[in-house]
């Protein structure tokens, strides 16, 4: 899950005691707004195409003009990619949820989505540190604390707020016994000598 798209729910996000338990999901209001725009556009094209597909005259004309049929097919395929991908992502945002647990020196993440549940666990020592990231958008600034791992897929959002103080950063660093690292470490590729730590043996997908 991309960190910038996640929001933490059902938690006060206090980073002063362990175990730490967080429930996260995508912004559902953004997903609904996206679907509101996409569904009419998709229906506007797919409904006429469906009628043409079952029309005997249309099939006969396509058979007689294979070039026109090919152009039409390419157009439908391009339209499907243009609108289908954001549509599938919006649906995924509505049903996806992440649970993060940090306890006993380990980070356990459960991702629930369209195709079931995926669970993985890593030791805290596999992480480089904690990064303070500031993301800006039209709605304002968002401050995040992120556990930084050499593999971007294993990075974990810890906190999201309108403001984070130096005291908040130091508290999180002490709690997890990890150093504060620059935000650009989130985007740094691991070197050949630096291999991401492996997952715990009980990694599973259900």
C-alpha atoms as a PDB file:
ATOM      1  CA  UNK A   1       0.000   0.000   0.000  1.00  0.00           C
ATOM      2  CA  UNK A   2       1.321   3.435  -0.816  1.00  0.00           C
ATOM      3  CA  UNK A   3       1.907   5.386   2.395  1.00  0.00           C
ATOM      4  CA  UNK A   4       0.539   8.687   1.087  1.00  0.00           C
ATOM      5  CA  UNK A   5      -2.816   7.055   0.306  1.00  0.00           C
ATOM      6  CA  UNK A   6      -3.287   5.537   3.760  1.00  0.00           C
ATOM      7  CA  UNK A   7      -5.116   7.012   6.707  1.00  0.00           C
ATOM      8  CA  UNK A   8      -4.997   5.653  10.250  1.00  0.00           C
ATOM      9  CA  UNK A   9      -8.369   4.905  11.835  1.00  0.00           C
ATOM     10  CA  UNK A  10      -9.487   3.872  15.312  1.00  0.00           C
ATOM     11  CA  UNK A  11      -6.271   4.967  17.001  1.00  0.00           C
ATOM     12  CA  UNK A  12      -4.941   7.995  18.843  1.00  0.00           C
ATOM     13  CA  UNK A  13      -1.545   7.302  17.236  1.00  0.00           C
ATOM     14  CA  UNK A  14       0.320   7.582  20.553  1.00  0.00           C
ATOM     15  CA  UNK A  15       3.906   6.474  20.013  1.00  0.00           C
ATOM     16  CA  UNK A  16       4.939   6.155  23.646  1.00  0.00           C
ATOM     17  CA  UNK A  17       4.223   2.543  24.593  1.00  0.00           C
ATOM     18  CA  UNK A  18       4.450  -0.913  23.075  1.00  0.00           C
ATOM     19  CA  UNK A  19       2.748  -2.982  21.814  1.00  0.00           C
ATOM     20  CA  UNK A  20       1.619  -0.650  19.048  1.00  0.00           C
ATOM     21  CA  UNK A  21      -1.520  -1.541  17.108  1.00  0.00           C
ATOM     22  CA  UNK A  22      -2.695   0.459  14.083  1.00  0.00           C
ATOM     23  CA  UNK A  23      -5.544  -0.025  11.643  1.00  0.00           C
ATOM     24  CA  UNK A  24      -5.164   1.722   8.287  1.00  0.00           C
ATOM     25  CA  UNK A  25      -7.153   2.050   5.093  1.00  0.00           C
ATOM     26  CA  UNK A  26      -7.284   4.122   1.956  1.00  0.00           C
ATOM     27  CA  UNK A  27      -9.257   7.362   1.938  1.00  0.00           C
ATOM     28  CA  UNK A  28     -12.771   6.157   1.135  1.00  0.00           C
ATOM     29  CA  UNK A  29     -14.105   9.614   0.382  1.00  0.00           C
ATOM     30  CA  UNK A  30     -11.483   9.961  -2.364  1.00  0.00           C
ATOM     31  CA  UNK A  31     -12.377   6.516  -3.714  1.00  0.00           C
ATOM     32  CA  UNK A  32     -16.104   7.325  -3.831  1.00  0.00           C
ATOM     33  CA  UNK A  33     -15.406  10.640  -5.560  1.00  0.00           C
ATOM     34  CA  UNK A  34     -13.285   8.846  -8.165  1.00  0.00           C
ATOM     35  CA  UNK A  35     -15.992   6.248  -8.787  1.00  0.00           C
ATOM     36  CA  UNK A  36     -18.597   8.996  -9.144  1.00  0.00           C
ATOM     37  CA  UNK A  37     -16.597  10.414 -12.030  1.00  0.00           C
ATOM     38  CA  UNK A  38     -15.561   7.132 -13.627  1.00  0.00           C
ATOM     39  CA  UNK A  39     -18.805   5.131 -13.653  1.00  0.00           C
ATOM     40  CA  UNK A  40     -20.802   7.526 -15.917  1.00  0.00           C
ATOM     41  CA  UNK A  41     -17.867   7.765 -18.352  1.00  0.00           C
ATOM     42  CA  UNK A  42     -17.501   3.981 -18.502  1.00  0.00           C
ATOM     43  CA  UNK A  43     -21.232   3.425 -19.025  1.00  0.00           C
ATOM     44  CA  UNK A  44     -21.314   6.113 -21.716  1.00  0.00           C
ATOM     45  CA  UNK A  45     -18.977   4.020 -23.837  1.00  0.00           C
ATOM     46  CA  UNK A  46     -19.670   0.442 -22.787  1.00  0.00           C
ATOM     47  CA  UNK A  47     -23.460   0.551 -23.202  1.00  0.00           C
ATOM     48  CA  UNK A  48     -23.372   1.547 -26.916  1.00  0.00           C
ATOM     49  CA  UNK A  49     -20.509  -0.888 -27.541  1.00  0.00           C
ATOM     50  CA  UNK A  50     -22.518  -3.700 -25.930  1.00  0.00           C
ATOM     51  CA  UNK A  51     -25.483  -3.007 -28.182  1.00  0.00           C
ATOM     52  CA  UNK A  52     -23.217  -3.015 -31.240  1.00  0.00           C
ATOM     53  CA  UNK A  53     -21.571  -6.245 -30.151  1.00  0.00           C
ATOM     54  CA  UNK A  54     -24.887  -8.134 -30.156  1.00  0.00           C
ATOM     55  CA  UNK A  55     -26.218  -6.481 -33.307  1.00  0.00           C
ATOM     56  CA  UNK A  56     -26.305  -8.757 -36.348  1.00  0.00           C
ATOM     57  CA  UNK A  57     -25.861  -5.844 -38.766  1.00  0.00           C
ATOM     58  CA  UNK A  58     -22.864  -4.538 -36.854  1.00  0.00           C
ATOM     59  CA  UNK A  59     -21.204  -7.961 -36.875  1.00  0.00           C
ATOM     60  CA  UNK A  60     -21.759  -8.259 -40.595  1.00  0.00           C
ATOM     61  CA  UNK A  61     -20.264  -4.819 -41.229  1.00  0.00           C
ATOM     62  CA  UNK A  62     -17.241  -5.601 -39.082  1.00  0.00           C
ATOM     63  CA  UNK A  63     -16.726  -8.847 -40.994  1.00  0.00           C
ATOM     64  CA  UNK A  64     -16.844  -6.954 -44.256  1.00  0.00           C
ATOM     65  CA  UNK A  65     -14.493  -4.239 -42.967  1.00  0.00           C
ATOM     66  CA  UNK A  66     -11.853  -5.911 -40.817  1.00  0.00           C
ATOM     67  CA  UNK A  67      -9.679  -2.762 -40.704  1.00  0.00           C
ATOM     68  CA  UNK A  68     -12.536  -0.738 -39.215  1.00  0.00           C
ATOM     69  CA  UNK A  69     -13.194  -3.558 -36.752  1.00  0.00           C
ATOM     70  CA  UNK A  70      -9.525  -3.562 -35.729  1.00  0.00           C
ATOM     71  CA  UNK A  71      -9.520   0.216 -35.193  1.00  0.00           C
ATOM     72  CA  UNK A  72     -12.683  -0.040 -33.117  1.00  0.00           C
ATOM     73  CA  UNK A  73     -11.196  -2.875 -31.053  1.00  0.00           C
ATOM     74  CA  UNK A  74      -8.024  -0.901 -30.383  1.00  0.00           C
ATOM     75  CA  UNK A  75     -10.128   2.082 -29.315  1.00  0.00           C
ATOM     76  CA  UNK A  76     -12.116  -0.028 -26.863  1.00  0.00           C
ATOM     77  CA  UNK A  77      -8.903  -1.554 -25.487  1.00  0.00           C
ATOM     78  CA  UNK A  78      -7.321   1.879 -24.962  1.00  0.00           C
ATOM     79  CA  UNK A  79     -10.478   3.124 -23.280  1.00  0.00           C
ATOM     80  CA  UNK A  80     -10.502   0.072 -20.999  1.00  0.00           C
ATOM     81  CA  UNK A  81      -6.925   0.777 -19.917  1.00  0.00           C
ATOM     82  CA  UNK A  82      -7.537   4.492 -19.465  1.00  0.00           C
ATOM     83  CA  UNK A  83     -10.603   4.093 -17.271  1.00  0.00           C
ATOM     84  CA  UNK A  84     -10.357   0.477 -16.121  1.00  0.00           C
ATOM     85  CA  UNK A  85      -7.135   0.875 -14.133  1.00  0.00           C
ATOM     86  CA  UNK A  86      -8.309   3.826 -11.992  1.00  0.00           C
ATOM     87  CA  UNK A  87     -11.698   2.113 -11.597  1.00  0.00           C
ATOM     88  CA  UNK A  88     -10.094  -1.069 -10.241  1.00  0.00           C
ATOM     89  CA  UNK A  89      -7.896   0.995  -7.908  1.00  0.00           C
ATOM     90  CA  UNK A  90     -10.927   2.851  -6.564  1.00  0.00           C
ATOM     91  CA  UNK A  91     -12.708  -0.445  -5.882  1.00  0.00           C
ATOM     92  CA  UNK A  92      -9.585  -1.759  -4.164  1.00  0.00           C
ATOM     93  CA  UNK A  93      -9.443   1.368  -1.991  1.00  0.00           C
ATOM     94  CA  UNK A  94     -12.972   0.718  -0.750  1.00  0.00           C
ATOM     95  CA  UNK A  95     -12.272  -2.820   0.480  1.00  0.00           C
ATOM     96  CA  UNK A  96      -8.573  -2.766   1.416  1.00  0.00           C
ATOM     97  CA  UNK A  97      -7.413  -2.472   4.998  1.00  0.00           C
ATOM     98  CA  UNK A  98      -4.050  -2.836   6.742  1.00  0.00           C
ATOM     99  CA  UNK A  99      -3.379  -3.832  10.342  1.00  0.00           C
ATOM    100  CA  UNK A 100       0.051  -3.116  11.848  1.00  0.00           C
ATOM    101  CA  UNK A 101       1.298  -4.609  15.114  1.00  0.00           C
ATOM    102  CA  UNK A 102       4.683  -3.821  16.645  1.00  0.00           C
ATOM    103  CA  UNK A 103       5.614  -5.907  19.654  1.00  0.00           C
ATOM    104  CA  UNK A 104       8.430  -8.089  20.966  1.00  0.00           C
ATOM    105  CA  UNK A 105      10.896  -6.547  18.535  1.00  0.00           C
ATOM    106  CA  UNK A 106       8.874  -7.482  15.455  1.00  0.00           C
ATOM    107  CA  UNK A 107       6.612  -5.759  12.919  1.00  0.00           C
ATOM    108  CA  UNK A 108       3.604  -7.749  11.724  1.00  0.00           C
ATOM    109  CA  UNK A 109       1.446  -6.446   8.877  1.00  0.00           C
ATOM    110  CA  UNK A 110      -1.851  -7.866   7.642  1.00  0.00           C
ATOM    111  CA  UNK A 111      -3.152  -6.584   4.302  1.00  0.00           C
ATOM    112  CA  UNK A 112      -6.761  -7.430   3.512  1.00  0.00           C
ATOM    113  CA  UNK A 113      -7.966  -6.790  -0.041  1.00  0.00           C
ATOM    114  CA  UNK A 114     -10.050  -8.075  -2.921  1.00  0.00           C
ATOM    115  CA  UNK A 115      -8.152 -11.359  -3.093  1.00  0.00           C
ATOM    116  CA  UNK A 116      -7.921 -12.253   0.570  1.00  0.00           C
ATOM    117  CA  UNK A 117      -5.461 -11.696   3.387  1.00  0.00           C
ATOM    118  CA  UNK A 118      -1.669 -11.418   3.207  1.00  0.00           C
ATOM    119  CA  UNK A 119       0.430 -11.461   6.376  1.00  0.00           C
ATOM    120  CA  UNK A 120       4.148 -10.837   6.816  1.00  0.00           C
ATOM    121  CA  UNK A 121       6.493 -10.246   9.739  1.00  0.00           C
ATOM    122  CA  UNK A 122       9.926  -8.615   9.978  1.00  0.00           C
ATOM    123  CA  UNK A 123      12.195  -7.931  12.950  1.00  0.00           C
ATOM    124  CA  UNK A 124      12.530  -4.279  13.906  1.00  0.00           C
ATOM    125  CA  UNK A 125      16.272  -4.629  13.346  1.00  0.00           C
ATOM    126  CA  UNK A 126      15.564  -5.088   9.618  1.00  0.00           C
ATOM    127  CA  UNK A 127      14.572  -1.412   9.399  1.00  0.00           C
ATOM    128  CA  UNK A 128      17.016   1.436   8.797  1.00  0.00           C
ATOM    129  CA  UNK A 129      15.146   3.835  11.039  1.00  0.00           C
ATOM    130  CA  UNK A 130      12.220   6.243  11.276  1.00  0.00           C
ATOM    131  CA  UNK A 131      11.738   9.004   8.698  1.00  0.00           C
ATOM    132  CA  UNK A 132       9.740  12.204   9.041  1.00  0.00           C
ATOM    133  CA  UNK A 133       8.031  12.897   5.719  1.00  0.00           C
ATOM    134  CA  UNK A 134       6.043  15.997   4.791  1.00  0.00           C
ATOM    135  CA  UNK A 135       3.655  15.592   1.871  1.00  0.00           C
ATOM    136  CA  UNK A 136       1.842  18.572   0.376  1.00  0.00           C
ATOM    137  CA  UNK A 137      -1.327  18.652  -1.682  1.00  0.00           C
ATOM    138  CA  UNK A 138      -4.178  21.009  -2.477  1.00  0.00           C
ATOM    139  CA  UNK A 139      -5.733  20.139   0.892  1.00  0.00           C
ATOM    140  CA  UNK A 140      -2.592  21.146   2.822  1.00  0.00           C
ATOM    141  CA  UNK A 141       0.449  19.528   4.421  1.00  0.00           C
ATOM    142  CA  UNK A 142       0.526  16.041   5.929  1.00  0.00           C
ATOM    143  CA  UNK A 143       3.277  14.949   8.304  1.00  0.00           C
ATOM    144  CA  UNK A 144       4.106  11.249   8.448  1.00  0.00           C
ATOM    145  CA  UNK A 145       6.370   8.957  10.433  1.00  0.00           C
ATOM    146  CA  UNK A 146       7.443   5.976   8.361  1.00  0.00           C
ATOM    147  CA  UNK A 147       9.482   2.887   9.196  1.00  0.00           C
ATOM    148  CA  UNK A 148      12.149   2.796   6.475  1.00  0.00           C
ATOM    149  CA  UNK A 149      13.140  -0.549   4.950  1.00  0.00           C
ATOM    150  CA  UNK A 150      15.396  -1.232   1.944  1.00  0.00           C
ATOM    151  CA  UNK A 151      12.360  -2.740   0.221  1.00  0.00           C
ATOM    152  CA  UNK A 152       9.677  -0.123  -0.385  1.00  0.00           C
ATOM    153  CA  UNK A 153       6.977  -2.787  -0.095  1.00  0.00           C
ATOM    154  CA  UNK A 154       7.983  -3.327   3.550  1.00  0.00           C
ATOM    155  CA  UNK A 155       7.899   0.309   4.625  1.00  0.00           C
ATOM    156  CA  UNK A 156       5.260   0.985   7.266  1.00  0.00           C
ATOM    157  CA  UNK A 157       3.303   4.129   8.086  1.00  0.00           C
ATOM    158  CA  UNK A 158       3.358   4.779  11.832  1.00  0.00           C
ATOM    159  CA  UNK A 159       1.703   8.156  12.180  1.00  0.00           C
ATOM    160  CA  UNK A 160      -0.041  10.786  10.061  1.00  0.00           C
ATOM    161  CA  UNK A 161      -0.823  14.237  11.412  1.00  0.00           C
ATOM    162  CA  UNK A 162      -1.126  17.906  10.537  1.00  0.00           C
ATOM    163  CA  UNK A 163       1.985  18.561  12.628  1.00  0.00           C
ATOM    164  CA  UNK A 164       4.788  16.596  14.297  1.00  0.00           C
ATOM    165  CA  UNK A 165       7.225  18.122  16.771  1.00  0.00           C
ATOM    166  CA  UNK A 166      10.840  17.187  17.468  1.00  0.00           C
ATOM    167  CA  UNK A 167       9.599  15.692  20.723  1.00  0.00           C
ATOM    168  CA  UNK A 168       7.273  13.367  18.789  1.00  0.00           C
ATOM    169  CA  UNK A 169      10.153  12.255  16.564  1.00  0.00           C
ATOM    170  CA  UNK A 170      12.496  11.600  19.494  1.00  0.00           C
ATOM    171  CA  UNK A 171       9.798   9.680  21.355  1.00  0.00           C
ATOM    172  CA  UNK A 172       9.165   7.391  18.384  1.00  0.00           C
ATOM    173  CA  UNK A 173      12.894   6.849  17.882  1.00  0.00           C
ATOM    174  CA  UNK A 174      13.409   5.858  21.527  1.00  0.00           C
ATOM    175  CA  UNK A 175      10.317   3.664  21.598  1.00  0.00           C
ATOM    176  CA  UNK A 176      11.452   1.597  18.615  1.00  0.00           C
ATOM    177  CA  UNK A 177      15.189   1.841  19.361  1.00  0.00           C
ATOM    178  CA  UNK A 178      15.758   3.037  15.812  1.00  0.00           C
ATOM    179  CA  UNK A 179      17.548   6.179  14.583  1.00  0.00           C
ATOM    180  CA  UNK A 180      15.889   9.066  12.811  1.00  0.00           C
ATOM    181  CA  UNK A 181      16.848   8.937   9.118  1.00  0.00           C
ATOM    182  CA  UNK A 182      16.395  11.461   6.269  1.00  0.00           C
ATOM    183  CA  UNK A 183      13.143  11.332   4.332  1.00  0.00           C
ATOM    184  CA  UNK A 184      14.998  10.650   1.084  1.00  0.00           C
ATOM    185  CA  UNK A 185      15.961   7.230   2.492  1.00  0.00           C
ATOM    186  CA  UNK A 186      12.406   6.208   1.587  1.00  0.00           C
ATOM    187  CA  UNK A 187      13.332   6.435  -2.079  1.00  0.00           C
ATOM    188  CA  UNK A 188      16.911   5.163  -1.956  1.00  0.00           C
ATOM    189  CA  UNK A 189      17.512   1.881  -3.736  1.00  0.00           C
ATOM    190  CA  UNK A 190      19.508  -0.703  -1.751  1.00  0.00           C
ATOM    191  CA  UNK A 191      23.076  -1.204  -2.892  1.00  0.00           C
ATOM    192  CA  UNK A 192      24.340  -4.592  -4.015  1.00  0.00           C
ATOM    193  CA  UNK A 193      26.040  -5.072  -0.681  1.00  0.00           C
ATOM    194  CA  UNK A 194      22.871  -4.168   1.200  1.00  0.00           C
ATOM    195  CA  UNK A 195      20.319  -6.934   0.801  1.00  0.00           C
ATOM    196  CA  UNK A 196      16.876  -6.515   2.366  1.00  0.00           C
ATOM    197  CA  UNK A 197      16.357  -8.723   5.386  1.00  0.00           C
ATOM    198  CA  UNK A 198      14.269 -11.774   4.659  1.00  0.00           C
ATOM    199  CA  UNK A 199      10.729 -12.262   5.866  1.00  0.00           C
ATOM    200  CA  UNK A 200       9.965 -14.348   8.890  1.00  0.00           C
ATOM    201  CA  UNK A 201       9.312 -18.033   8.117  1.00  0.00           C
ATOM    202  CA  UNK A 202       5.576 -17.741   8.699  1.00  0.00           C
ATOM    203  CA  UNK A 203       4.953 -15.320   5.795  1.00  0.00           C
ATOM    204  CA  UNK A 204       1.680 -16.436   4.316  1.00  0.00           C
ATOM    205  CA  UNK A 205      -1.080 -15.411   1.968  1.00  0.00           C
ATOM    206  CA  UNK A 206      -4.671 -16.473   2.542  1.00  0.00           C
END
